[in-house]
């Protein structure tokens, strides 16, 4: 069983499905885009526990470059970052793959609900509630018929 930090283990609710020991031939691929390294690490660990494979980027520009190089089932992005906002990233992602799942995280008080409806992303506000994040991830992957 892989090692996950104590911080991650403590954040996982008792309702979360335990890590599966099954070999997943094609785990869901998730692109995590956030300028804060601690958030990148936490999200990557949680996604690994939920059976996903992740790549991380520190800016919208870097995220878009990775997105164009590889295939992803889900993009998990922060709203406010250097090198392009999360909205700019989502617009570019939608132009490349309208069906990819997108979850946007924000600590901003900005009104993003109308953008979420227009661009088709799920909006989660910080501080994150891990069970809400897990539900959003499973729903986004489920919409693409991908099991975690």
Protein backbone atom coordinates (compact mmCIF):
# COMPACT_ATOMS: atom_id res chain seq x y z
CA UNK A 1 0.00 0.00 0.00
CA UNK A 2 1.47 3.40 -0.94
CA UNK A 3 2.46 5.83 1.78
CA UNK A 4 0.40 9.00 2.11
CA UNK A 5 1.32 11.83 4.40
CA UNK A 6 -0.23 12.01 7.82
CA UNK A 7 -1.73 15.35 6.79
CA UNK A 8 -3.57 13.70 3.91
CA UNK A 9 -4.63 10.73 6.02
CA UNK A 10 -6.09 13.02 8.65
CA UNK A 11 -8.08 14.94 6.06
CA UNK A 12 -9.69 11.86 4.58
CA UNK A 13 -13.10 11.34 6.04
CA UNK A 14 -14.21 7.95 7.30
CA UNK A 15 -16.79 7.96 4.50
CA UNK A 16 -14.09 7.93 1.81
CA UNK A 17 -13.66 4.66 0.03
CA UNK A 18 -10.48 2.91 1.15
CA UNK A 19 -7.60 2.84 -1.26
CA UNK A 20 -8.08 -0.02 -3.65
CA UNK A 21 -5.31 -2.54 -4.08
CA UNK A 22 -6.70 -3.54 -7.47
CA UNK A 23 -4.54 -2.86 -10.47
CA UNK A 24 -6.20 -0.17 -12.54
CA UNK A 25 -5.16 -0.48 -16.15
CA UNK A 26 -6.27 3.00 -17.12
CA UNK A 27 -6.64 5.16 -14.03
CA UNK A 28 -8.34 8.52 -14.55
CA UNK A 29 -5.83 11.22 -15.46
CA UNK A 30 -6.17 14.53 -13.64
CA UNK A 31 -4.33 17.79 -14.27
CA UNK A 32 -3.93 19.85 -11.08
CA UNK A 33 -3.17 23.54 -11.71
CA UNK A 34 -2.40 25.67 -8.66
CA UNK A 35 0.40 28.11 -7.85
CA UNK A 36 0.65 26.92 -4.23
CA UNK A 37 2.90 23.87 -3.86
CA UNK A 38 1.18 22.74 -0.64
CA UNK A 39 -2.19 22.71 -2.38
CA UNK A 40 -0.70 20.84 -5.35
CA UNK A 41 0.71 18.19 -3.03
CA UNK A 42 -2.47 17.80 -1.02
CA UNK A 43 -4.69 17.52 -4.10
CA UNK A 44 -2.30 15.05 -5.76
CA UNK A 45 -2.28 12.85 -2.65
CA UNK A 46 -6.06 12.90 -2.32
CA UNK A 47 -6.52 12.09 -6.00
CA UNK A 48 -4.04 9.21 -5.71
CA UNK A 49 -6.02 7.83 -2.76
CA UNK A 50 -9.13 8.03 -4.95
CA UNK A 51 -7.40 6.05 -7.70
CA UNK A 52 -6.35 8.84 -10.04
CA UNK A 53 -3.06 9.60 -11.75
CA UNK A 54 -2.03 13.27 -11.60
CA UNK A 55 0.22 15.82 -13.22
CA UNK A 56 0.71 19.24 -11.64
CA UNK A 57 1.29 22.71 -13.05
CA UNK A 58 2.01 25.97 -11.23
CA UNK A 59 0.37 28.39 -13.66
CA UNK A 60 -2.37 28.56 -16.25
CA UNK A 61 0.24 28.74 -19.01
CA UNK A 62 2.08 25.65 -17.76
CA UNK A 63 -1.25 23.85 -17.29
CA UNK A 64 -2.36 24.59 -20.83
CA UNK A 65 0.97 23.34 -22.19
CA UNK A 66 0.56 20.04 -20.31
CA UNK A 67 -3.08 19.77 -21.37
CA UNK A 68 -2.11 20.10 -25.03
CA UNK A 69 0.65 17.48 -24.67
CA UNK A 70 -1.36 14.79 -22.86
CA UNK A 71 -4.88 13.50 -22.50
CA UNK A 72 -6.77 14.25 -19.26
CA UNK A 73 -10.14 13.21 -17.91
CA UNK A 74 -10.34 16.07 -15.42
CA UNK A 75 -8.75 19.46 -14.86
CA UNK A 76 -8.68 20.76 -11.29
CA UNK A 77 -7.61 24.42 -11.31
CA UNK A 78 -7.31 27.39 -9.02
CA UNK A 79 -9.03 30.61 -10.11
CA UNK A 80 -6.36 33.15 -9.25
CA UNK A 81 -2.80 32.37 -10.40
CA UNK A 82 0.11 34.06 -12.11
CA UNK A 83 0.49 33.24 -15.79
CA UNK A 84 -3.21 33.32 -16.63
CA UNK A 85 -6.35 32.94 -14.57
CA UNK A 86 -8.22 29.71 -14.11
CA UNK A 87 -10.99 31.13 -16.34
CA UNK A 88 -8.55 31.64 -19.20
CA UNK A 89 -7.28 28.10 -18.73
CA UNK A 90 -10.81 26.67 -18.74
CA UNK A 91 -11.74 28.60 -21.89
CA UNK A 92 -8.68 27.16 -23.67
CA UNK A 93 -9.36 23.67 -22.32
CA UNK A 94 -12.98 23.86 -23.55
CA UNK A 95 -11.75 24.88 -27.03
CA UNK A 96 -9.55 21.76 -27.12
CA UNK A 97 -11.85 19.25 -25.42
CA UNK A 98 -15.41 20.36 -24.60
CA UNK A 99 -16.13 17.11 -22.74
CA UNK A 100 -13.28 17.15 -20.22
CA UNK A 101 -14.37 17.54 -16.60
CA UNK A 102 -13.35 20.78 -14.91
CA UNK A 103 -13.41 21.77 -11.25
CA UNK A 104 -12.38 25.30 -10.27
CA UNK A 105 -11.22 26.14 -6.76
CA UNK A 106 -11.31 29.67 -5.40
CA UNK A 107 -10.82 31.61 -2.22
CA UNK A 108 -11.94 34.72 -4.09
CA UNK A 109 -15.25 36.35 -3.44
CA UNK A 110 -15.63 36.85 -7.19
CA UNK A 111 -18.96 35.91 -8.71
CA UNK A 112 -18.03 32.90 -10.82
CA UNK A 113 -21.33 31.01 -10.94
CA UNK A 114 -22.34 32.51 -14.32
CA UNK A 115 -18.91 31.61 -15.76
CA UNK A 116 -19.31 28.11 -14.37
CA UNK A 117 -22.62 27.69 -16.16
CA UNK A 118 -21.26 29.14 -19.41
CA UNK A 119 -18.03 27.10 -19.38
CA UNK A 120 -19.43 24.01 -17.67
CA UNK A 121 -17.25 23.72 -14.59
CA UNK A 122 -17.95 22.88 -10.98
CA UNK A 123 -17.01 25.67 -8.57
CA UNK A 124 -15.70 24.83 -5.10
CA UNK A 125 -14.85 27.54 -2.60
CA UNK A 126 -11.86 27.45 -0.27
CA UNK A 127 -11.36 26.39 2.40
CA UNK A 128 -12.14 23.07 0.77
CA UNK A 129 -14.31 20.44 2.31
CA UNK A 130 -12.71 17.16 1.31
CA UNK A 131 -16.02 15.29 1.01
CA UNK A 132 -17.34 17.98 -1.39
CA UNK A 133 -14.16 17.71 -3.45
CA UNK A 134 -14.43 13.92 -3.61
CA UNK A 135 -18.08 14.15 -4.69
CA UNK A 136 -17.22 16.68 -7.40
CA UNK A 137 -14.30 14.56 -8.67
CA UNK A 138 -16.41 11.38 -8.81
CA UNK A 139 -19.25 13.23 -10.54
CA UNK A 140 -16.94 14.81 -13.13
CA UNK A 141 -15.31 11.46 -13.89
CA UNK A 142 -18.68 9.70 -13.84
CA UNK A 143 -19.95 12.12 -16.49
CA UNK A 144 -17.16 10.77 -18.69
CA UNK A 145 -18.00 7.17 -17.66
CA UNK A 146 -14.73 6.74 -15.79
CA UNK A 147 -14.66 4.81 -12.51
CA UNK A 148 -12.39 5.67 -9.60
